[in-house]
Amino acid sequence: MGESNLMSYNTFNFKTEDQILLHIRLWEDKGNSLFEKLKQKGCTRYCYDQIWNKKGTYKTSTLFECKSPQAYKDCQKAIDTFRQSLMKELGAISPVIESSRNIILEDLR
């Protein structure tokens, strides 16, 4: 195993299709600029996706990988600022967010 990266994985659960579509649009509009800021702080990977294999649910997720514990801390500050801004735009939608923090043990590609 090489140097372990730290990963942040978040799942967003929405009540309706309209809510998830708004969330997707906002991430499409703002995700690139967020990643550019995070790269400067040590983020090595960003992925935003829609979970599709659970019928009747509306879920998206984000994955961020950072190259070091310090990069992770620095990125978390920027992500929190972004999240607060995003939540203002989402208004009353208030998705349920489930977060996990992980250490990558093996990553085969």
C-alpha atoms as a PDB file:
ATOM      1  CA  MET A   1       0.000   0.000   0.000  1.00  0.00           C
ATOM      2  CA  GLY A   2       1.247   3.488  -0.846  1.00  0.00           C
ATOM      3  CA  GLU A   3       0.681   6.671   1.104  1.00  0.00           C
ATOM      4  CA  SER A   4      -2.860   6.718   2.474  1.00  0.00           C
ATOM      5  CA  ASN A   5      -5.115   9.544   1.441  1.00  0.00           C
ATOM      6  CA  LEU A   6      -8.024  10.783   3.488  1.00  0.00           C
ATOM      7  CA  MET A   7     -11.498  10.688   2.025  1.00  0.00           C
ATOM      8  CA  SER A   8     -14.731  12.479   2.837  1.00  0.00           C
ATOM      9  CA  TYR A   9     -17.893  10.800   1.538  1.00  0.00           C
ATOM     10  CA  ASN A  10     -21.310  12.438   1.949  1.00  0.00           C
ATOM     11  CA  THR A  11     -24.747  11.192   0.942  1.00  0.00           C
ATOM     12  CA  PHE A  12     -27.597  13.663   0.422  1.00  0.00           C
ATOM     13  CA  ASN A  13     -31.173  12.354   0.748  1.00  0.00           C
ATOM     14  CA  PHE A  14     -34.060  14.357  -0.733  1.00  0.00           C
ATOM     15  CA  LYS A  15     -37.829  14.015  -0.399  1.00  0.00           C
ATOM     16  CA  THR A  16     -38.735  14.813  -4.012  1.00  0.00           C
ATOM     17  CA  GLU A  17     -37.340  14.697  -7.527  1.00  0.00           C
ATOM     18  CA  ASP A  18     -37.588  18.497  -7.816  1.00  0.00           C
ATOM     19  CA  GLN A  19     -35.357  18.864  -4.755  1.00  0.00           C
ATOM     20  CA  ILE A  20     -32.670  16.566  -6.101  1.00  0.00           C
ATOM     21  CA  LEU A  21     -32.762  18.277  -9.502  1.00  0.00           C
ATOM     22  CA  LEU A  22     -32.137  21.654  -7.856  1.00  0.00           C
ATOM     23  CA  HIS A  23     -29.238  20.191  -5.872  1.00  0.00           C
ATOM     24  CA  ILE A  24     -27.741  18.669  -9.020  1.00  0.00           C
ATOM     25  CA  ARG A  25     -28.041  21.972 -10.898  1.00  0.00           C
ATOM     26  CA  LEU A  26     -26.330  23.890  -8.088  1.00  0.00           C
ATOM     27  CA  TRP A  27     -23.445  21.383  -7.930  1.00  0.00           C
ATOM     28  CA  GLU A  28     -23.089  21.481 -11.721  1.00  0.00           C
ATOM     29  CA  ASP A  29     -22.914  25.283 -11.567  1.00  0.00           C
ATOM     30  CA  LYS A  30     -20.521  25.526  -8.610  1.00  0.00           C
ATOM     31  CA  GLY A  31     -18.634  22.217  -8.307  1.00  0.00           C
ATOM     32  CA  ASN A  32     -15.807  23.122 -10.688  1.00  0.00           C
ATOM     33  CA  SER A  33     -14.948  26.352  -8.892  1.00  0.00           C
ATOM     34  CA  LEU A  34     -15.065  24.564  -5.532  1.00  0.00           C
ATOM     35  CA  PHE A  35     -12.657  21.884  -6.759  1.00  0.00           C
ATOM     36  CA  GLU A  36     -10.245  24.521  -8.095  1.00  0.00           C
ATOM     37  CA  LYS A  37     -10.119  26.076  -4.607  1.00  0.00           C
ATOM     38  CA  LEU A  38      -9.718  22.675  -2.956  1.00  0.00           C
ATOM     39  CA  LYS A  39      -6.884  21.631  -5.289  1.00  0.00           C
ATOM     40  CA  GLN A  40      -4.870  24.573  -3.982  1.00  0.00           C
ATOM     41  CA  LYS A  41      -5.365  23.178  -0.459  1.00  0.00           C
ATOM     42  CA  GLY A  42      -4.379  19.579  -1.310  1.00  0.00           C
ATOM     43  CA  CYS A  43      -7.552  17.949  -2.630  1.00  0.00           C
ATOM     44  CA  THR A  44      -6.603  15.328  -5.211  1.00  0.00           C
ATOM     45  CA  ARG A  45     -10.034  14.084  -6.281  1.00  0.00           C
ATOM     46  CA  TYR A  46     -13.639  15.252  -6.341  1.00  0.00           C
ATOM     47  CA  CYS A  47     -16.627  13.223  -7.490  1.00  0.00           C
ATOM     48  CA  TYR A  48     -20.333  14.133  -7.454  1.00  0.00           C
ATOM     49  CA  ASP A  49     -22.853  11.466  -8.392  1.00  0.00           C
ATOM     50  CA  GLN A  50     -26.468  10.405  -8.251  1.00  0.00           C
ATOM     51  CA  ILE A  51     -27.358   7.142  -6.552  1.00  0.00           C
ATOM     52  CA  TRP A  52     -29.658   5.343  -8.975  1.00  0.00           C
ATOM     53  CA  ASN A  53     -30.156   1.780  -7.721  1.00  0.00           C
ATOM     54  CA  LYS A  54     -32.657   2.560  -4.948  1.00  0.00           C
ATOM     55  CA  LYS A  55     -36.155   2.934  -6.436  1.00  0.00           C
ATOM     56  CA  GLY A  56     -38.305   5.671  -4.953  1.00  0.00           C
ATOM     57  CA  THR A  57     -35.382   7.517  -3.385  1.00  0.00           C
ATOM     58  CA  TYR A  58     -33.619  10.693  -4.408  1.00  0.00           C
ATOM     59  CA  LYS A  59     -29.959  10.609  -3.406  1.00  0.00           C
ATOM     60  CA  THR A  60     -26.698  12.163  -4.483  1.00  0.00           C
ATOM     61  CA  SER A  61     -23.233  11.856  -3.016  1.00  0.00           C
ATOM     62  CA  THR A  62     -19.911  13.650  -2.965  1.00  0.00           C
ATOM     63  CA  LEU A  63     -16.447  12.230  -2.532  1.00  0.00           C
ATOM     64  CA  PHE A  64     -13.351  14.277  -1.781  1.00  0.00           C
ATOM     65  CA  GLU A  65      -9.837  12.863  -1.409  1.00  0.00           C
ATOM     66  CA  CYS A  66      -7.011  14.800   0.225  1.00  0.00           C
ATOM     67  CA  LYS A  67      -3.290  14.084   0.163  1.00  0.00           C
ATOM     68  CA  SER A  68      -2.560  14.660   3.859  1.00  0.00           C
ATOM     69  CA  PRO A  69      -4.200  15.259   7.241  1.00  0.00           C
ATOM     70  CA  GLN A  70      -3.390  18.983   6.977  1.00  0.00           C
ATOM     71  CA  ALA A  71      -4.843  19.165   3.460  1.00  0.00           C
ATOM     72  CA  TYR A  72      -7.964  17.436   4.773  1.00  0.00           C
ATOM     73  CA  LYS A  73      -8.365  20.041   7.552  1.00  0.00           C
ATOM     74  CA  ASP A  74      -7.794  22.912   5.135  1.00  0.00           C
ATOM     75  CA  CYS A  75     -10.268  21.481   2.636  1.00  0.00           C
ATOM     76  CA  GLN A  76     -12.911  20.875   5.322  1.00  0.00           C
ATOM     77  CA  LYS A  77     -12.936  24.603   6.111  1.00  0.00           C
ATOM     78  CA  ALA A  78     -13.506  25.469   2.449  1.00  0.00           C
ATOM     79  CA  ILE A  79     -16.142  22.734   2.060  1.00  0.00           C
ATOM     80  CA  ASP A  80     -18.008  23.986   5.141  1.00  0.00           C
ATOM     81  CA  THR A  81     -18.061  27.522   3.733  1.00  0.00           C
ATOM     82  CA  PHE A  82     -19.324  26.172   0.393  1.00  0.00           C
ATOM     83  CA  ARG A  83     -21.947  24.024   2.129  1.00  0.00           C
ATOM     84  CA  GLN A  84     -23.298  26.986   4.094  1.00  0.00           C
ATOM     85  CA  SER A  85     -23.637  29.002   0.889  1.00  0.00           C
ATOM     86  CA  LEU A  86     -25.263  26.069  -0.908  1.00  0.00           C
ATOM     87  CA  MET A  87     -27.749  25.491   1.923  1.00  0.00           C
ATOM     88  CA  LYS A  88     -28.853  29.141   1.691  1.00  0.00           C
ATOM     89  CA  GLU A  89     -29.622  28.638  -1.998  1.00  0.00           C
ATOM     90  CA  LEU A  90     -31.412  25.362  -1.334  1.00  0.00           C
ATOM     91  CA  GLY A  91     -33.645  27.152   1.155  1.00  0.00           C
ATOM     92  CA  ALA A  92     -36.297  24.938   2.726  1.00  0.00           C
ATOM     93  CA  ILE A  93     -35.154  21.779   0.928  1.00  0.00           C
ATOM     94  CA  SER A  94     -32.866  20.731   3.809  1.00  0.00           C
ATOM     95  CA  PRO A  95     -31.535  17.380   2.587  1.00  0.00           C
ATOM     96  CA  VAL A  96     -30.610  14.774   5.152  1.00  0.00           C
ATOM     97  CA  ILE A  97     -26.813  14.479   4.970  1.00  0.00           C
ATOM     98  CA  GLU A  98     -24.921  11.394   6.059  1.00  0.00           C
ATOM     99  CA  SER A  99     -21.163  11.889   6.288  1.00  0.00           C
ATOM    100  CA  SER A 100     -18.286   9.492   6.640  1.00  0.00           C
ATOM    101  CA  ARG A 101     -14.572  10.116   6.900  1.00  0.00           C
ATOM    102  CA  ASN A 102     -12.292   7.383   5.626  1.00  0.00           C
ATOM    103  CA  ILE A 103      -8.662   6.430   5.222  1.00  0.00           C
ATOM    104  CA  ILE A 104      -8.020   4.806   1.859  1.00  0.00           C
ATOM    105  CA  LEU A 105      -6.391   1.429   2.419  1.00  0.00           C
ATOM    106  CA  GLU A 106      -6.375   0.218  -1.173  1.00  0.00           C
ATOM    107  CA  ASP A 107      -7.453   1.885  -4.415  1.00  0.00           C
ATOM    108  CA  LEU A 108      -7.186  -0.211  -7.565  1.00  0.00           C
ATOM    109  CA  ARG A 109      -7.908   1.432 -10.919  1.00  0.00           C
END
